[in-house]
C-alpha atoms as a PDB file:
ATOM      1  CA  UNK A   1       6.204  -1.500  -6.605  1.00  0.00           C
ATOM      2  CA  UNK A   2       6.108   1.318  -4.152  1.00  0.00           C
ATOM      3  CA  UNK A   3       4.361   3.250  -1.462  1.00  0.00           C
ATOM      4  CA  UNK A   4       5.547   6.673  -2.593  1.00  0.00           C
ATOM      5  CA  UNK A   5       2.244   8.417  -3.198  1.00  0.00           C
ATOM      6  CA  UNK A   6      -0.643   7.407  -0.996  1.00  0.00           C
ATOM      7  CA  UNK A   7      -1.914   4.457   0.854  1.00  0.00           C
ATOM      8  CA  UNK A   8      -5.641   4.565   1.550  1.00  0.00           C
ATOM      9  CA  UNK A   9      -8.160   5.121  -1.245  1.00  0.00           C
ATOM     10  CA  UNK A  10     -11.886   4.636  -1.645  1.00  0.00           C
ATOM     11  CA  UNK A  11     -12.820   1.950  -4.128  1.00  0.00           C
ATOM     12  CA  UNK A  12     -16.210   0.990  -5.511  1.00  0.00           C
ATOM     13  CA  UNK A  13     -17.230  -2.526  -6.510  1.00  0.00           C
ATOM     14  CA  UNK A  14     -20.116  -3.043  -8.950  1.00  0.00           C
ATOM     15  CA  UNK A  15     -22.096  -6.224  -8.302  1.00  0.00           C
ATOM     16  CA  UNK A  16     -25.564  -7.677  -7.742  1.00  0.00           C
ATOM     17  CA  UNK A  17     -27.516  -6.382  -4.738  1.00  0.00           C
ATOM     18  CA  UNK A  18     -27.521  -9.827  -3.097  1.00  0.00           C
ATOM     19  CA  UNK A  19     -23.742 -10.029  -3.363  1.00  0.00           C
ATOM     20  CA  UNK A  20     -23.384  -6.454  -2.141  1.00  0.00           C
ATOM     21  CA  UNK A  21     -25.588  -7.001   0.895  1.00  0.00           C
ATOM     22  CA  UNK A  22     -23.591 -10.142   1.759  1.00  0.00           C
ATOM     23  CA  UNK A  23     -20.343  -8.143   1.496  1.00  0.00           C
ATOM     24  CA  UNK A  24     -21.782  -5.446   3.763  1.00  0.00           C
ATOM     25  CA  UNK A  25     -22.716  -8.213   6.239  1.00  0.00           C
ATOM     26  CA  UNK A  26     -19.091  -9.390   6.360  1.00  0.00           C
ATOM     27  CA  UNK A  27     -18.792 -11.990   3.627  1.00  0.00           C
ATOM     28  CA  UNK A  28     -15.363 -11.765   1.932  1.00  0.00           C
ATOM     29  CA  UNK A  29     -14.957 -10.540  -1.643  1.00  0.00           C
ATOM     30  CA  UNK A  30     -14.345 -13.148  -4.328  1.00  0.00           C
ATOM     31  CA  UNK A  31     -11.307 -12.703  -6.559  1.00  0.00           C
ATOM     32  CA  UNK A  32     -11.864 -12.514 -10.315  1.00  0.00           C
ATOM     33  CA  UNK A  33      -9.791 -15.080 -12.225  1.00  0.00           C
ATOM     34  CA  UNK A  34     -10.693 -14.343 -15.857  1.00  0.00           C
ATOM     35  CA  UNK A  35      -7.931 -14.712 -18.462  1.00  0.00           C
ATOM     36  CA  UNK A  36      -8.897 -11.284 -19.799  1.00  0.00           C
ATOM     37  CA  UNK A  37      -8.766  -9.315 -16.524  1.00  0.00           C
ATOM     38  CA  UNK A  38      -6.389  -6.555 -17.530  1.00  0.00           C
ATOM     39  CA  UNK A  39      -4.789  -6.143 -14.095  1.00  0.00           C
ATOM     40  CA  UNK A  40      -4.576  -9.887 -13.510  1.00  0.00           C
ATOM     41  CA  UNK A  41      -6.349 -11.885 -10.805  1.00  0.00           C
ATOM     42  CA  UNK A  42      -7.897  -9.817  -8.041  1.00  0.00           C
ATOM     43  CA  UNK A  43     -10.904  -8.079  -6.570  1.00  0.00           C
ATOM     44  CA  UNK A  44     -11.716  -5.198  -8.903  1.00  0.00           C
ATOM     45  CA  UNK A  45     -12.594  -1.694  -7.709  1.00  0.00           C
ATOM     46  CA  UNK A  46     -13.180   1.631  -9.442  1.00  0.00           C
ATOM     47  CA  UNK A  47     -11.097   4.240  -7.623  1.00  0.00           C
ATOM     48  CA  UNK A  48     -13.167   7.223  -6.388  1.00  0.00           C
ATOM     49  CA  UNK A  49     -15.849   6.498  -9.007  1.00  0.00           C
ATOM     50  CA  UNK A  50     -19.094   5.018  -7.654  1.00  0.00           C
ATOM     51  CA  UNK A  51     -21.078   6.117 -10.726  1.00  0.00           C
ATOM     52  CA  UNK A  52     -18.760   4.172 -13.045  1.00  0.00           C
ATOM     53  CA  UNK A  53     -19.066   1.118 -10.774  1.00  0.00           C
ATOM     54  CA  UNK A  54     -22.852   1.360 -11.084  1.00  0.00           C
ATOM     55  CA  UNK A  55     -22.648   1.809 -14.871  1.00  0.00           C
ATOM     56  CA  UNK A  56     -20.482  -1.328 -15.028  1.00  0.00           C
ATOM     57  CA  UNK A  57     -22.989  -3.301 -12.935  1.00  0.00           C
ATOM     58  CA  UNK A  58     -25.806  -2.185 -15.254  1.00  0.00           C
ATOM     59  CA  UNK A  59     -23.800  -3.022 -18.391  1.00  0.00           C
ATOM     60  CA  UNK A  60     -22.993  -6.449 -16.966  1.00  0.00           C
ATOM     61  CA  UNK A  61     -26.647  -7.095 -16.046  1.00  0.00           C
ATOM     62  CA  UNK A  62     -27.602  -6.543 -19.681  1.00  0.00           C
ATOM     63  CA  UNK A  63     -25.193  -9.204 -21.002  1.00  0.00           C
ATOM     64  CA  UNK A  64     -26.380 -12.705 -21.775  1.00  0.00           C
ATOM     65  CA  UNK A  65     -25.820 -15.104 -18.875  1.00  0.00           C
ATOM     66  CA  UNK A  66     -25.067 -12.368 -16.337  1.00  0.00           C
ATOM     67  CA  UNK A  67     -25.466 -13.123 -12.638  1.00  0.00           C
ATOM     68  CA  UNK A  68     -26.331  -9.500 -11.900  1.00  0.00           C
ATOM     69  CA  UNK A  69     -30.090  -9.023 -11.581  1.00  0.00           C
ATOM     70  CA  UNK A  70     -30.190  -5.819  -9.527  1.00  0.00           C
ATOM     71  CA  UNK A  71     -27.123  -3.570 -10.003  1.00  0.00           C
ATOM     72  CA  UNK A  72     -25.540  -2.458  -6.747  1.00  0.00           C
ATOM     73  CA  UNK A  73     -22.323  -0.803  -5.578  1.00  0.00           C
ATOM     74  CA  UNK A  74     -20.340  -1.461  -2.418  1.00  0.00           C
ATOM     75  CA  UNK A  75     -17.745   1.033  -1.244  1.00  0.00           C
ATOM     76  CA  UNK A  76     -14.491  -0.049   0.366  1.00  0.00           C
ATOM     77  CA  UNK A  77     -11.542   1.533   2.115  1.00  0.00           C
ATOM     78  CA  UNK A  78      -8.439   0.090   0.457  1.00  0.00           C
ATOM     79  CA  UNK A  79      -4.868   0.110   1.717  1.00  0.00           C
ATOM     80  CA  UNK A  80      -2.796  -0.203  -1.458  1.00  0.00           C
ATOM     81  CA  UNK A  81       0.276  -1.486   0.434  1.00  0.00           C
ATOM     82  CA  UNK A  82       2.822  -2.949  -2.014  1.00  0.00           C
ATOM     83  CA  UNK A  83       1.227  -1.515  -5.146  1.00  0.00           C
ATOM     84  CA  UNK A  84       2.157  -2.112  -8.766  1.00  0.00           C
ATOM     85  CA  UNK A  85       1.096   1.332  -9.972  1.00  0.00           C
ATOM     86  CA  UNK A  86       0.853   1.426 -13.750  1.00  0.00           C
ATOM     87  CA  UNK A  87       0.542   5.213 -13.678  1.00  0.00           C
ATOM     88  CA  UNK A  88       4.254   5.422 -12.807  1.00  0.00           C
ATOM     89  CA  UNK A  89       7.378   4.839 -14.878  1.00  0.00           C
ATOM     90  CA  UNK A  90       8.573   2.278 -12.329  1.00  0.00           C
ATOM     91  CA  UNK A  91       5.361   0.265 -12.656  1.00  0.00           C
ATOM     92  CA  UNK A  92       5.437   0.344 -16.453  1.00  0.00           C
ATOM     93  CA  UNK A  93       9.076  -0.790 -16.453  1.00  0.00           C
ATOM     94  CA  UNK A  94       8.150  -3.779 -14.265  1.00  0.00           C
ATOM     95  CA  UNK A  95       5.474  -4.934 -16.711  1.00  0.00           C
ATOM     96  CA  UNK A  96       7.769  -4.331 -19.685  1.00  0.00           C
ATOM     97  CA  UNK A  97      10.325  -6.703 -18.131  1.00  0.00           C
ATOM     98  CA  UNK A  98       7.563  -9.250 -17.453  1.00  0.00           C
ATOM     99  CA  UNK A  99       6.373  -8.969 -21.063  1.00  0.00           C
ATOM    100  CA  UNK A 100       9.878  -9.665 -22.381  1.00  0.00           C
ATOM    101  CA  UNK A 101      10.086 -12.731 -20.137  1.00  0.00           C
ATOM    102  CA  UNK A 102       6.674 -13.957 -21.325  1.00  0.00           C
ATOM    103  CA  UNK A 103       7.550 -13.301 -24.985  1.00  0.00           C
ATOM    104  CA  UNK A 104      10.913 -15.088 -24.719  1.00  0.00           C
ATOM    105  CA  UNK A 105       9.327 -18.079 -22.985  1.00  0.00           C
ATOM    106  CA  UNK A 106       6.635 -18.321 -25.663  1.00  0.00           C
ATOM    107  CA  UNK A 107       9.254 -18.202 -28.412  1.00  0.00           C
ATOM    108  CA  UNK A 108      11.284 -21.007 -26.829  1.00  0.00           C
ATOM    109  CA  UNK A 109       8.124 -23.113 -26.384  1.00  0.00           C
ATOM    110  CA  UNK A 110       6.890 -22.326 -29.902  1.00  0.00           C
ATOM    111  CA  UNK A 111       3.629 -20.863 -28.588  1.00  0.00           C
ATOM    112  CA  UNK A 112       1.802 -17.743 -29.607  1.00  0.00           C
ATOM    113  CA  UNK A 113       1.331 -14.988 -27.061  1.00  0.00           C
ATOM    114  CA  UNK A 114      -2.193 -14.249 -25.892  1.00  0.00           C
ATOM    115  CA  UNK A 115      -3.722 -11.183 -27.539  1.00  0.00           C
ATOM    116  CA  UNK A 116      -5.818  -8.278 -26.347  1.00  0.00           C
ATOM    117  CA  UNK A 117      -9.096  -7.790 -28.194  1.00  0.00           C
ATOM    118  CA  UNK A 118      -9.253  -5.104 -30.854  1.00  0.00           C
ATOM    119  CA  UNK A 119     -11.533  -2.940 -28.705  1.00  0.00           C
ATOM    120  CA  UNK A 120      -9.138  -3.423 -25.744  1.00  0.00           C
ATOM    121  CA  UNK A 121     -11.947  -4.554 -23.446  1.00  0.00           C
ATOM    122  CA  UNK A 122     -10.630  -8.103 -23.146  1.00  0.00           C
ATOM    123  CA  UNK A 123      -6.976  -7.939 -22.187  1.00  0.00           C
ATOM    124  CA  UNK A 124      -5.639 -11.503 -22.351  1.00  0.00           C
ATOM    125  CA  UNK A 125      -2.072 -10.373 -23.111  1.00  0.00           C
ATOM    126  CA  UNK A 126      -2.023  -7.800 -20.313  1.00  0.00           C
ATOM    127  CA  UNK A 127      -3.411 -10.384 -17.883  1.00  0.00           C
ATOM    128  CA  UNK A 128      -0.715 -12.886 -18.863  1.00  0.00           C
ATOM    129  CA  UNK A 129       1.991 -10.231 -18.427  1.00  0.00           C
ATOM    130  CA  UNK A 130       0.760  -9.297 -14.939  1.00  0.00           C
ATOM    131  CA  UNK A 131       0.617 -12.985 -13.989  1.00  0.00           C
ATOM    132  CA  UNK A 132       4.182 -13.414 -15.274  1.00  0.00           C
ATOM    133  CA  UNK A 133       5.329 -10.492 -13.118  1.00  0.00           C
ATOM    134  CA  UNK A 134       3.751 -12.111 -10.039  1.00  0.00           C
ATOM    135  CA  UNK A 135       5.582 -15.336 -10.908  1.00  0.00           C
ATOM    136  CA  UNK A 136       8.916 -13.553 -11.411  1.00  0.00           C
ATOM    137  CA  UNK A 137       8.634 -11.865  -8.012  1.00  0.00           C
ATOM    138  CA  UNK A 138       7.629 -15.100  -6.266  1.00  0.00           C
ATOM    139  CA  UNK A 139      10.508 -17.039  -7.848  1.00  0.00           C
ATOM    140  CA  UNK A 140      12.964 -14.305  -6.832  1.00  0.00           C
ATOM    141  CA  UNK A 141      11.737 -14.409  -3.219  1.00  0.00           C
ATOM    142  CA  UNK A 142      10.547 -10.794  -3.428  1.00  0.00           C
ATOM    143  CA  UNK A 143       7.458  -9.467  -1.668  1.00  0.00           C
ATOM    144  CA  UNK A 144       4.154 -10.185  -3.358  1.00  0.00           C
ATOM    145  CA  UNK A 145       2.161  -7.451  -5.033  1.00  0.00           C
ATOM    146  CA  UNK A 146      -0.828  -6.542  -2.876  1.00  0.00           C
ATOM    147  CA  UNK A 147      -2.628  -4.320  -5.379  1.00  0.00           C
ATOM    148  CA  UNK A 148      -2.371  -3.353  -9.046  1.00  0.00           C
ATOM    149  CA  UNK A 149      -3.539   0.104 -10.108  1.00  0.00           C
ATOM    150  CA  UNK A 150      -3.977   1.413 -13.644  1.00  0.00           C
ATOM    151  CA  UNK A 151      -5.776   3.893 -15.854  1.00  0.00           C
ATOM    152  CA  UNK A 152      -8.240   2.402 -18.317  1.00  0.00           C
ATOM    153  CA  UNK A 153      -9.026   4.697 -21.252  1.00  0.00           C
ATOM    154  CA  UNK A 154     -12.464   3.771 -22.523  1.00  0.00           C
ATOM    155  CA  UNK A 155     -15.518   5.131 -24.271  1.00  0.00           C
ATOM    156  CA  UNK A 156     -16.387   7.740 -26.838  1.00  0.00           C
ATOM    157  CA  UNK A 157     -14.779  11.166 -27.000  1.00  0.00           C
ATOM    158  CA  UNK A 158     -16.235  13.519 -24.375  1.00  0.00           C
ATOM    159  CA  UNK A 159     -16.754  16.121 -27.122  1.00  0.00           C
ATOM    160  CA  UNK A 160     -15.742  16.443 -30.791  1.00  0.00           C
ATOM    161  CA  UNK A 161     -11.957  16.279 -31.231  1.00  0.00           C
ATOM    162  CA  UNK A 162     -11.368  15.417 -27.561  1.00  0.00           C
ATOM    163  CA  UNK A 163      -8.684  13.067 -26.265  1.00  0.00           C
ATOM    164  CA  UNK A 164     -10.766  12.717 -23.095  1.00  0.00           C
ATOM    165  CA  UNK A 165     -12.943   9.601 -23.075  1.00  0.00           C
ATOM    166  CA  UNK A 166     -16.326   9.261 -21.371  1.00  0.00           C
ATOM    167  CA  UNK A 167     -15.587   6.062 -19.444  1.00  0.00           C
ATOM    168  CA  UNK A 168     -11.915   6.563 -18.546  1.00  0.00           C
ATOM    169  CA  UNK A 169     -11.268   5.447 -14.986  1.00  0.00           C
ATOM    170  CA  UNK A 170      -8.685   4.225 -12.520  1.00  0.00           C
ATOM    171  CA  UNK A 171      -9.127   0.609 -11.604  1.00  0.00           C
ATOM    172  CA  UNK A 172      -7.560  -1.326  -8.761  1.00  0.00           C
ATOM    173  CA  UNK A 173      -7.188  -5.087  -8.523  1.00  0.00           C
ATOM    174  CA  UNK A 174      -6.721  -6.162  -4.913  1.00  0.00           C
ATOM    175  CA  UNK A 175      -4.726  -9.399  -4.661  1.00  0.00           C
ATOM    176  CA  UNK A 176      -4.400  -9.431  -0.888  1.00  0.00           C
ATOM    177  CA  UNK A 177      -7.770  -9.421   0.892  1.00  0.00           C
ATOM    178  CA  UNK A 178      -6.172  -7.793   3.949  1.00  0.00           C
ATOM    179  CA  UNK A 179      -5.970  -4.598   1.865  1.00  0.00           C
ATOM    180  CA  UNK A 180      -9.745  -4.224   2.174  1.00  0.00           C
ATOM    181  CA  UNK A 181      -9.966  -2.380   5.478  1.00  0.00           C
ATOM    182  CA  UNK A 182     -13.708  -1.955   5.544  1.00  0.00           C
ATOM    183  CA  UNK A 183     -16.820  -1.795   3.399  1.00  0.00           C
ATOM    184  CA  UNK A 184     -19.631   0.730   3.385  1.00  0.00           C
ATOM    185  CA  UNK A 185     -23.026   1.368   1.864  1.00  0.00           C
ATOM    186  CA  UNK A 186     -22.769   3.973  -0.876  1.00  0.00           C
ATOM    187  CA  UNK A 187     -25.289   6.798  -0.479  1.00  0.00           C
ATOM    188  CA  UNK A 188     -27.852   6.803  -3.306  1.00  0.00           C
ATOM    189  CA  UNK A 189     -26.983  10.428  -4.142  1.00  0.00           C
ATOM    190  CA  UNK A 190     -23.434   9.310  -5.087  1.00  0.00           C
ATOM    191  CA  UNK A 191     -24.799   6.859  -7.662  1.00  0.00           C
ATOM    192  CA  UNK A 192     -27.201   9.135  -9.536  1.00  0.00           C
ATOM    193  CA  UNK A 193     -26.707  10.518 -13.018  1.00  0.00           C
END
């Protein structure tokens, strides 16, 4: 964890309009607790990418049982604070250590490790590893992780033969609500196209 690069970033949260309006009125964000959340428990934001947040809200609306009726995006100023940044060697080493601890514990208990889905959209293993890292830090009396930041490579190739993917993005999971310094209404022009 570190504060070597930056501190404040703009994040975008895809949701239903009713939820978004409540957030803009001061209601606190709700933390996601899914076993497949790749960055572990937290409030999920798309870094500097309001269009991707809107695309996510629309994709979610179209799934069976979705709570999103009218896709909406709320912007937020985020202070990353004590950030587990998975774009750095230090961050990757931390999760590698947590994985080894999780793997060893599963072997001793005779349990199978969780698995990520083949399409990598549901990341049960990654979620379990991040949770294990939080546990390791807590048990060692070390400061808690406030935010987790990582690159998610997703989507079809941008053009034939490309290693660049259409939906690649940086995502942030905020674990400490105090890291959300303010919310704002995203201008419609920033959500188009």
